[in-house]
Amino acid sequence: MFRVAIVGRPNVGKSSLFNRIIGQRKAIVEDIPGVTRDRIVSTAEWRGVKFEVVDTGGYITGDEDKFAPYIRKQVEKELELSDLFIFVVDGKQGLTPLDKEIANILHRTEKPVIIAVNKIDDPEKEKLAYEFYELGFENIIPISTIQKLGLAELLDKVVEYIPDYEKEIQEEEEEEGKRDYIKVAIVGKPNAGKSSLINALLNEERVLVSEIPGTTRDTVDILYEKDGQKFLFLDTAGMRKKSKVDYGLEFFSVGRTIEAIEKTDVVVLVIDANQGATEQDTKIAGLIQRRYKPAVIVINKIDTMDKKTLEKVEKQVRERLYFISYAPIVFTSAKTKEGLDELLEKIVYVYNQAWKRVGTGQLNRAIKQIQNLRQPPTYQGKPLKIYYATQLEGKPPAFLLFVNKAEGFKENYVRFLENNLRKLLGLENAPIKLIFRGKEEEKDK
């Protein structure tokens, strides 16, 4: 079983953290250095994933304590046995020479290390965690074992390193166990050319095509491979205005379209170049945006117009669908097969962007840089503040921001944050999700 050791100098809260993780008071907790002398091992579980957690004695360099050599020997033995270390430090006391010495020992193991900066009882104090980046580890998570703050983020980070957990997440995301294809939903209003586009890609009449809106009633799955990359295309029924939808077969087709968007990896929104982005296209784009789905916008049927007209269409689409500005635009023609290779390339690119992870240090430097460009506005007469940010598990990229007043961050500034984070973190074509957690919310939790 994957083994996680809690290490650190005496009296930083290792045993308290151990008890929180296993959910019971198994380790003795006293405000006296060196209480834990023997290693204590227990089984913990987080999000359905089990692992061993080990509470070690406080690491001391000198021999003032008669048990110090014994504790050191126990800790050093654990360095060989464990797969990951939670290095607990004291956020109130700050960085100490002994912390640096322990960090040097952990670096030599070449195993993953998560620094848990304990005793951060208030989000305003989370900036105290920044100095621990000096120890050279990427994963820095502020916590409070007393207030139960940051423990979820800490355990999320722990299970990221557990192979069985990674397989479980992959199976859950892919629904059918391990697969080697990208699932792509082709969506758009009726008669935008969705089925024709797939037929052009396949170079065969695989999907029924006609000039009658609503021909495709169900979601059709089509496996396709090009240059070693596999795609599973979901050709969906077009979504018409609500007033034009009959309650019956077509009503359920709309439901299946929404379901396809939710379960797919990448959404391709097909727009008829002759009509531009319509009200219905805007509604479909809204479904994509609210579900934080990677997307490619296809302006189809370009063989029917000249370059100058296409430029006007592109501008109109961008203006109308501004809220999914992260989605690249590809011009295609099912008739001439123009733009099809570029479409496949963009699908792969945005898919990879959605899985991208960034370092916590890089993320917080980007947040600071954005605030220097434009400070958060005031709320109820007081300036809004962002203390710290961390990326959460899974896709698309989701960032948890610790702030003073979560409700004060409105759409304009949130969009400003999103757009600049994309630029600074290399996520230009990824939907990103920002979650704001305020001081009051932390206390409630």
Protein backbone atom coordinates (compact mmCIF):
# COMPACT_ATOMS: atom_id res chain seq x y z
CA MET A 1 0.00 0.00 0.00
CA PHE A 2 1.17 3.52 -0.78
CA ARG A 3 2.93 4.89 2.31
CA VAL A 4 2.89 8.53 3.44
CA ALA A 5 5.15 9.70 6.27
CA ILE A 6 4.55 12.86 8.30
CA VAL A 7 7.91 14.39 9.22
CA GLY A 8 9.21 17.59 10.74
CA ARG A 9 10.85 19.07 13.82
CA PRO A 10 9.19 18.73 17.25
CA ASN A 11 6.00 20.55 18.20
CA VAL A 12 4.89 21.65 14.73
CA GLY A 13 1.65 19.64 14.82
CA LYS A 14 2.59 16.34 13.17
CA SER A 15 0.52 14.17 15.50
CA SER A 16 -2.47 16.52 15.30
CA LEU A 17 -2.33 16.24 11.51
CA PHE A 18 -1.99 12.46 11.76
CA ASN A 19 -5.14 12.30 13.90
CA ARG A 20 -7.05 14.51 11.46
CA ILE A 21 -6.06 12.34 8.50
CA ILE A 22 -7.02 9.01 10.10
CA GLY A 23 -10.13 10.51 11.70
CA GLN A 24 -9.40 9.46 15.29
CA ARG A 25 -7.15 10.37 18.20
CA LYS A 26 -4.67 7.56 17.74
CA ALA A 27 -1.52 9.61 18.20
CA ILE A 28 -0.89 11.31 21.55
CA VAL A 29 -1.03 15.08 21.22
CA GLU A 30 0.66 17.30 23.81
CA ASP A 31 2.28 20.72 23.61
CA ILE A 32 5.61 19.18 24.64
CA PRO A 33 8.43 18.55 22.13
CA GLY A 34 9.28 14.90 21.56
CA VAL A 35 6.07 13.27 22.75
CA THR A 36 5.95 10.98 19.69
CA ARG A 37 9.01 8.76 19.84
CA ASP A 38 7.88 5.64 18.00
CA ARG A 39 6.48 5.61 14.52
CA ILE A 40 2.72 5.15 14.48
CA VAL A 41 1.21 3.57 11.37
CA SER A 42 -2.45 3.58 10.41
CA THR A 43 -4.60 3.23 7.31
CA ALA A 44 -6.30 6.36 5.97
CA GLU A 45 -8.84 6.86 3.21
CA TRP A 46 -9.60 9.91 1.08
CA ARG A 47 -12.07 10.07 -1.80
CA GLY A 48 -12.31 6.29 -1.75
CA VAL A 49 -8.52 5.83 -1.96
CA LYS A 50 -6.72 4.00 0.85
CA PHE A 51 -3.11 4.56 1.91
CA GLU A 52 -0.84 4.10 4.92
CA VAL A 53 0.03 7.16 6.96
CA VAL A 54 2.93 7.24 9.43
CA ASP A 55 3.42 9.65 12.33
CA THR A 56 7.13 10.06 13.12
CA GLY A 57 8.90 11.63 16.07
CA GLY A 58 10.18 15.19 15.90
CA TYR A 59 13.58 15.28 14.20
CA ILE A 60 16.31 16.74 16.45
CA THR A 61 19.96 17.15 15.50
CA GLY A 62 21.59 17.38 18.94
CA ASP A 63 21.59 14.87 21.80
CA GLU A 64 19.97 17.08 24.45
CA ASP A 65 17.10 14.59 24.57
CA LYS A 66 18.22 11.04 25.40
CA PHE A 67 15.72 9.73 22.86
CA ALA A 68 17.01 11.99 20.06
CA PRO A 69 19.34 9.37 18.47
CA TYR A 70 16.55 6.77 18.59
CA ILE A 71 14.03 9.18 16.98
CA ARG A 72 16.51 10.09 14.25
CA LYS A 73 17.07 6.42 13.50
CA GLN A 74 13.32 5.82 13.25
CA VAL A 75 12.83 8.82 10.93
CA GLU A 76 15.77 7.82 8.74
CA LYS A 77 14.33 4.31 8.42
CA GLU A 78 11.02 5.80 7.34
CA LEU A 79 12.82 7.76 4.61
CA GLU A 80 13.53 4.42 2.94
CA LEU A 81 10.09 2.89 3.46
CA SER A 82 7.75 5.74 2.53
CA ASP A 83 6.65 6.78 -0.96
CA LEU A 84 5.76 10.39 -0.10
CA PHE A 85 6.46 12.81 2.75
CA ILE A 86 4.28 15.45 4.34
CA PHE A 87 6.83 17.88 5.78
CA VAL A 88 5.06 19.82 8.55
CA VAL A 89 6.41 23.28 9.44
CA ASP A 90 5.20 25.99 11.80
CA GLY A 91 3.75 28.97 9.92
CA LYS A 92 3.74 31.19 13.02
CA GLN A 93 7.38 30.58 13.90
CA GLY A 94 8.52 30.76 10.31
CA LEU A 95 11.45 29.06 8.62
CA THR A 96 14.12 27.69 10.99
CA PRO A 97 17.64 26.24 10.44
CA LEU A 98 16.32 22.82 11.47
CA ASP A 99 13.61 23.05 8.80
CA LYS A 100 16.34 23.68 6.24
CA GLU A 101 18.33 20.70 7.48
CA ILE A 102 15.31 18.40 7.26
CA ALA A 103 14.58 19.75 3.75
CA ASN A 104 18.11 18.85 2.63
CA ILE A 105 17.59 15.29 3.88
CA LEU A 106 14.27 15.00 2.05
CA HIS A 107 15.78 16.34 -1.18
CA ARG A 108 18.30 13.51 -1.12
CA THR A 109 15.51 10.89 -1.11
CA GLU A 110 14.28 12.16 -4.52
CA LYS A 111 10.75 11.28 -3.43
CA PRO A 112 7.73 13.61 -3.60
CA VAL A 113 7.37 16.06 -0.73
CA ILE A 114 4.39 18.20 0.28
CA ILE A 115 5.06 21.00 2.75
CA ALA A 116 2.15 21.52 5.13
CA VAL A 117 2.50 24.97 6.68
CA ASN A 118 0.60 24.45 9.92
CA LYS A 119 -0.99 26.95 12.33
CA ILE A 120 -2.32 29.18 9.53
CA ASP A 121 -5.59 29.78 11.34
CA ASP A 122 -6.75 32.66 9.14
CA PRO A 123 -6.60 33.08 5.33
CA GLU A 124 -5.00 36.50 5.92
CA LYS A 125 -1.98 34.69 7.35
CA GLU A 126 -1.54 32.44 4.32
CA LYS A 127 1.11 34.78 2.96
CA LEU A 128 3.29 33.48 5.81
CA ALA A 129 3.57 30.26 3.81
CA TYR A 130 5.45 31.95 0.98
CA GLU A 131 8.84 31.98 2.73
CA PHE A 132 8.85 28.16 2.77
CA TYR A 133 9.31 28.13 -1.02
CA GLU A 134 12.94 28.78 -0.08
CA LEU A 135 13.16 25.08 0.85
CA GLY A 136 12.95 24.20 -2.85
CA PHE A 137 9.71 22.21 -2.93
CA GLU A 138 6.85 23.00 -5.28
CA ASN A 139 3.93 21.77 -3.17
CA ILE A 140 3.28 24.28 -0.36
CA ILE A 141 -0.14 24.04 1.32
CA PRO A 142 -1.19 26.22 4.28
CA ILE A 143 -3.22 24.30 6.86
CA SER A 144 -4.58 24.52 10.38
CA THR A 145 -5.08 21.22 12.17
CA ILE A 146 -7.01 23.00 14.93
CA GLN A 147 -9.38 24.88 12.60
CA LYS A 148 -9.44 22.01 10.05
CA LEU A 149 -8.39 24.38 7.26
CA GLY A 150 -6.59 23.25 4.11
CA LEU A 151 -6.82 19.55 4.94
CA ALA A 152 -8.89 18.72 1.87
CA GLU A 153 -6.39 20.45 -0.43
CA LEU A 154 -3.54 18.61 1.33
CA LEU A 155 -5.16 15.19 0.93
CA ASP A 156 -6.14 15.94 -2.67
CA LYS A 157 -2.47 16.58 -3.36
CA VAL A 158 -1.44 13.37 -1.56
CA VAL A 159 -3.72 11.13 -3.61
CA GLU A 160 -2.48 12.71 -6.85
CA TYR A 161 0.71 10.72 -6.31
CA ILE A 162 -1.00 7.38 -5.70
CA PRO A 163 -0.96 5.25 -8.88
CA ASP A 164 -4.21 3.40 -8.09
CA TYR A 165 -5.94 6.74 -7.58
CA GLU A 166 -4.74 8.02 -10.92
CA LYS A 167 -6.13 4.90 -12.61
CA GLU A 168 -9.42 5.28 -10.79
CA ILE A 169 -9.77 8.91 -11.88
CA GLN A 170 -8.93 7.96 -15.45
CA GLU A 171 -11.55 5.22 -15.43
CA GLU A 172 -14.12 7.56 -13.94
CA GLU A 173 -13.39 10.25 -16.51
CA GLU A 174 -13.35 7.87 -19.44
CA GLU A 175 -16.33 5.82 -18.24
CA GLU A 176 -15.22 2.66 -20.00
CA GLY A 177 -11.88 2.02 -18.32
CA LYS A 178 -8.68 2.81 -20.11
CA ARG A 179 -9.12 4.24 -23.61
CA ASP A 180 -6.83 5.79 -26.17
CA TYR A 181 -9.20 8.15 -27.98
CA ILE A 182 -10.48 11.69 -27.56
CA LYS A 183 -14.25 11.91 -27.28
CA VAL A 184 -15.54 14.80 -29.40
CA ALA A 185 -19.13 16.08 -29.48
CA ILE A 186 -20.17 17.83 -32.72
CA VAL A 187 -22.91 20.31 -31.78
CA GLY A 188 -24.76 23.20 -33.38
CA LYS A 189 -28.17 24.22 -34.55
CA PRO A 190 -29.91 22.13 -37.24
CA ASN A 191 -28.55 22.24 -40.77
CA ALA A 192 -25.24 23.88 -39.80
CA GLY A 193 -23.39 21.07 -41.58
CA LYS A 194 -22.40 18.84 -38.64
CA SER A 195 -23.06 15.50 -40.36
CA SER A 196 -21.54 16.69 -43.63
CA LEU A 197 -18.41 17.66 -41.73
CA ILE A 198 -18.05 14.18 -40.22
CA ASN A 199 -18.66 12.55 -43.58
CA ALA A 200 -15.92 14.71 -45.11
CA LEU A 201 -13.52 13.67 -42.34
CA LEU A 202 -14.35 9.99 -42.81
CA ASN A 203 -14.35 10.31 -46.59
CA GLU A 204 -17.50 8.20 -46.67
CA GLU A 205 -21.25 8.56 -46.16
CA ARG A 206 -21.24 7.32 -42.57
CA VAL A 207 -23.83 9.78 -41.25
CA LEU A 208 -27.15 10.56 -42.93
CA VAL A 209 -27.06 14.02 -44.51
CA SER A 210 -30.04 15.98 -45.83
CA GLU A 211 -31.28 19.54 -46.18
CA ILE A 212 -34.13 18.90 -43.74
CA PRO A 213 -33.44 20.32 -40.24
CA GLY A 214 -33.52 17.67 -37.53
CA THR A 215 -32.46 14.66 -39.62
CA THR A 216 -30.07 13.42 -36.93
CA ARG A 217 -32.40 12.46 -34.10
CA ASP A 218 -29.97 10.60 -31.87
CA THR A 219 -26.32 10.84 -30.87
CA VAL A 220 -24.20 8.76 -33.26
CA ASP A 221 -20.77 7.50 -32.10
CA ILE A 222 -18.12 7.16 -34.82
CA LEU A 223 -14.55 6.00 -34.15
CA TYR A 224 -11.95 7.59 -36.43
CA GLU A 225 -8.15 7.45 -36.53
CA LYS A 226 -5.64 9.71 -38.24
CA ASP A 227 -1.83 9.60 -37.91
CA GLY A 228 -2.08 7.34 -34.88
CA GLN A 229 -4.52 9.57 -32.99
CA LYS A 230 -8.00 8.15 -32.38
CA PHE A 231 -11.17 10.21 -32.06
CA LEU A 232 -14.68 9.16 -31.06
CA PHE A 233 -17.03 11.61 -32.75
CA LEU A 234 -20.52 12.12 -31.36
CA ASP A 235 -22.77 13.54 -34.07
CA THR A 236 -25.67 15.12 -32.20
CA ALA A 237 -29.10 16.33 -33.19
CA GLY A 238 -29.21 20.07 -33.80
CA MET A 239 -30.70 22.21 -31.04
CA ARG A 240 -33.51 24.45 -32.21
CA LYS A 241 -35.29 27.25 -30.39
CA LYS A 242 -37.50 26.02 -27.59
CA SER A 243 -40.66 27.23 -29.32
CA LYS A 244 -39.84 25.07 -32.33
CA VAL A 245 -39.14 21.87 -30.40
CA ASP A 246 -41.94 19.31 -30.38
CA TYR A 247 -42.34 17.47 -27.10
CA GLY A 248 -41.54 13.99 -28.25
CA LEU A 249 -38.57 12.47 -30.06
CA GLU A 250 -36.92 15.82 -30.86
CA PHE A 251 -37.35 17.01 -27.27
CA PHE A 252 -35.34 14.01 -26.07
CA SER A 253 -32.75 14.62 -28.81
CA VAL A 254 -32.03 18.02 -27.23
CA GLY A 255 -31.53 16.28 -23.90
CA ARG A 256 -29.07 13.87 -25.49
CA THR A 257 -27.15 16.80 -26.98
CA ILE A 258 -26.77 18.32 -23.53
CA GLU A 259 -25.72 14.93 -22.16
CA ALA A 260 -23.13 14.57 -24.93
CA ILE A 261 -21.64 17.97 -24.04
CA GLU A 262 -21.38 16.94 -20.40
CA LYS A 263 -19.67 13.61 -21.07
CA THR A 264 -17.32 14.59 -23.88
CA ASP A 265 -13.66 15.64 -23.81
CA VAL A 266 -13.90 18.36 -26.47
CA VAL A 267 -16.92 20.12 -27.97
CA VAL A 268 -16.92 21.29 -31.60
CA LEU A 269 -19.52 24.01 -32.17
CA VAL A 270 -20.41 24.18 -35.87
CA ILE A 271 -21.70 27.52 -37.19
CA ASP A 272 -23.06 28.14 -40.66
CA ALA A 273 -20.88 30.83 -42.29
CA ASN A 274 -23.91 32.16 -44.16
CA GLN A 275 -25.76 32.92 -40.93
CA GLY A 276 -22.98 33.70 -38.46
CA ALA A 277 -23.51 33.22 -34.74
CA THR A 278 -27.25 33.19 -34.08
CA GLU A 279 -29.19 33.37 -30.84
CA GLN A 280 -29.32 29.60 -30.72
CA ASP A 281 -25.55 29.34 -31.25
CA THR A 282 -25.15 31.68 -28.27
CA LYS A 283 -27.28 29.40 -26.10
CA ILE A 284 -25.31 26.32 -27.12
CA ALA A 285 -22.05 28.14 -26.41
CA GLY A 286 -23.47 29.01 -23.01
CA LEU A 287 -23.99 25.32 -22.28
CA ILE A 288 -20.35 24.67 -23.21
CA GLN A 289 -19.05 27.57 -21.11
CA ARG A 290 -21.09 26.70 -18.01
CA ARG A 291 -19.75 23.15 -18.11
CA TYR A 292 -16.15 24.38 -18.55
CA LYS A 293 -15.62 22.26 -21.66
CA PRO A 294 -12.65 22.60 -24.04
CA ALA A 295 -14.07 23.74 -27.36
CA VAL A 296 -13.32 24.50 -31.00
CA ILE A 297 -15.59 26.84 -32.98
CA VAL A 298 -16.02 25.75 -36.60
CA ILE A 299 -17.25 28.27 -39.16
CA ASN A 300 -18.48 25.88 -41.84
CA LYS A 301 -19.49 26.25 -45.51
CA ILE A 302 -16.73 28.78 -46.29
CA ASP A 303 -16.78 27.73 -49.96
CA THR A 304 -19.89 29.90 -50.34
CA MET A 305 -18.20 33.26 -49.65
CA ASP A 306 -15.08 35.38 -50.20
CA LYS A 307 -12.27 36.17 -47.73
CA LYS A 308 -13.48 39.67 -46.87
CA THR A 309 -16.94 38.42 -45.98
CA LEU A 310 -15.42 35.64 -43.87
CA GLU A 311 -13.45 38.21 -41.87
CA LYS A 312 -16.71 39.97 -41.04
CA VAL A 313 -18.28 36.65 -40.03
CA GLU A 314 -15.33 35.84 -37.77
CA LYS A 315 -15.60 39.22 -36.06
CA GLN A 316 -19.33 38.76 -35.53
CA VAL A 317 -18.83 35.28 -34.06
CA ARG A 318 -16.14 36.52 -31.68
CA GLU A 319 -18.30 39.40 -30.52
CA ARG A 320 -21.38 37.25 -30.04
CA LEU A 321 -19.55 34.37 -28.34
CA TYR A 322 -17.14 36.52 -26.30
CA PHE A 323 -17.67 34.40 -23.19
CA ILE A 324 -15.89 31.41 -24.79
CA SER A 325 -13.04 33.49 -26.17
CA TYR A 326 -10.67 30.65 -25.24
CA ALA A 327 -12.11 28.48 -28.05
CA PRO A 328 -10.04 28.72 -31.28
CA ILE A 329 -11.85 29.26 -34.58
CA VAL A 330 -11.32 26.97 -37.57
CA PHE A 331 -12.75 27.66 -41.06
CA THR A 332 -13.98 24.54 -42.86
CA SER A 333 -15.82 23.36 -45.91
CA ALA A 334 -17.30 19.89 -45.97
CA LYS A 335 -17.59 20.20 -49.75
CA THR A 336 -13.92 21.07 -50.47
CA LYS A 337 -12.53 19.46 -47.26
CA GLU A 338 -10.70 22.68 -46.49
CA GLY A 339 -9.64 23.12 -42.85
CA LEU A 340 -10.27 19.51 -41.78
CA ASP A 341 -6.65 18.77 -40.84
CA GLU A 342 -6.48 21.99 -38.83
CA LEU A 343 -9.68 21.03 -37.03
CA LEU A 344 -8.20 17.70 -35.89
CA GLU A 345 -5.01 19.46 -34.76
CA LYS A 346 -7.00 22.00 -32.70
CA ILE A 347 -9.06 19.24 -31.08
CA VAL A 348 -5.90 17.51 -29.86
CA TYR A 349 -4.38 20.82 -28.75
CA VAL A 350 -7.32 22.01 -26.64
CA TYR A 351 -7.69 18.51 -25.17
CA ASN A 352 -4.08 18.62 -23.96
CA GLN A 353 -4.54 22.15 -22.63
CA ALA A 354 -7.41 20.96 -20.44
CA TRP A 355 -5.11 18.45 -18.70
CA LYS A 356 -2.30 20.91 -18.09
CA ARG A 357 -1.09 21.48 -14.53
CA VAL A 358 0.96 24.43 -13.29
CA GLY A 359 3.20 24.75 -10.25
CA THR A 360 1.82 26.48 -7.18
CA GLY A 361 4.69 28.93 -7.19
CA GLN A 362 4.14 29.80 -10.84
CA LEU A 363 0.42 30.24 -10.20
CA ASN A 364 0.88 32.61 -7.27
CA ARG A 365 3.48 34.66 -9.13
CA ALA A 366 0.97 35.03 -11.97
CA ILE A 367 -1.75 36.13 -9.51
CA LYS A 368 0.59 38.74 -8.07
CA GLN A 369 1.53 39.99 -11.55
CA ILE A 370 -2.15 40.32 -12.51
CA GLN A 371 -2.92 42.28 -9.35
CA ASN A 372 -0.04 44.64 -10.18
CA LEU A 373 -1.68 45.25 -13.55
CA ARG A 374 -5.03 45.96 -11.96
CA GLN A 375 -5.86 45.75 -8.28
CA PRO A 376 -9.13 44.05 -7.25
CA PRO A 377 -11.96 46.55 -6.70
CA THR A 378 -13.35 47.56 -3.34
CA TYR A 379 -16.30 45.83 -1.73
CA GLN A 380 -18.38 47.36 1.05
CA GLY A 381 -15.82 50.13 1.32
CA LYS A 382 -12.81 47.79 1.72
CA PRO A 383 -10.28 46.60 -0.91
CA LEU A 384 -10.58 42.98 -2.02
CA LYS A 385 -7.51 40.82 -1.51
CA ILE A 386 -6.22 37.56 -2.96
CA TYR A 387 -3.91 35.83 -0.50
CA TYR A 388 -3.02 32.55 -2.12
CA ALA A 389 -4.04 30.21 -4.96
CA THR A 390 -3.67 26.52 -5.71
CA GLN A 391 -4.70 24.25 -8.57
CA LEU A 392 -7.26 21.56 -7.81
CA GLU A 393 -7.29 17.99 -9.06
CA GLY A 394 -8.79 17.06 -12.42
CA LYS A 395 -9.75 18.83 -15.63
CA PRO A 396 -10.25 21.47 -16.82
CA PRO A 397 -7.75 23.61 -14.87
CA ALA A 398 -9.51 24.76 -11.69
CA PHE A 399 -7.89 27.18 -9.25
CA LEU A 400 -8.90 27.74 -5.64
CA LEU A 401 -8.28 31.36 -4.56
CA PHE A 402 -8.20 32.28 -0.88
CA VAL A 403 -9.55 35.81 -0.53
CA ASN A 404 -10.96 38.14 2.13
CA LYS A 405 -14.47 38.46 0.62
CA ALA A 406 -15.47 35.81 -1.93
CA GLU A 407 -18.79 37.50 -2.74
CA GLY A 408 -17.00 40.73 -3.69
CA PHE A 409 -15.38 39.27 -6.82
CA LYS A 410 -17.80 40.10 -9.64
CA GLU A 411 -17.90 39.03 -13.28
CA ASN A 412 -15.75 41.84 -14.73
CA TYR A 413 -12.75 41.25 -12.49
CA VAL A 414 -13.16 37.46 -12.59
CA ARG A 415 -13.04 37.58 -16.41
CA PHE A 416 -9.97 39.85 -16.17
CA LEU A 417 -8.31 37.25 -13.92
CA GLU A 418 -9.24 34.38 -16.21
CA ASN A 419 -7.97 36.03 -19.40
CA ASN A 420 -4.65 37.02 -17.85
CA LEU A 421 -4.13 33.64 -16.17
CA ARG A 422 -4.55 32.02 -19.56
CA LYS A 423 -1.83 34.24 -21.03
CA LEU A 424 0.63 33.90 -18.13
CA LEU A 425 0.17 30.17 -17.57
CA GLY A 426 0.07 29.06 -21.20
CA LEU A 427 -3.60 28.12 -21.06
CA GLU A 428 -4.81 30.33 -23.92
CA ASN A 429 -7.23 27.73 -25.27
CA ALA A 430 -8.41 26.13 -22.04
CA PRO A 431 -11.52 26.86 -20.02
CA ILE A 432 -10.41 27.66 -16.49
CA LYS A 433 -12.49 27.62 -13.36
CA LEU A 434 -11.88 30.07 -10.51
CA ILE A 435 -13.24 29.19 -7.06
CA PHE A 436 -13.12 31.92 -4.42
CA ARG A 437 -13.00 31.02 -0.75
CA GLY A 438 -13.42 33.79 1.78
CA LYS A 439 -12.46 34.01 5.46
CA GLU A 440 -16.00 33.54 6.71
CA GLU A 441 -16.46 30.47 4.53
CA GLU A 442 -13.27 28.92 5.92
CA LYS A 443 -14.47 29.50 9.49
CA ASP A 444 -17.81 27.87 8.65
CA LYS A 445 -16.05 24.84 7.23
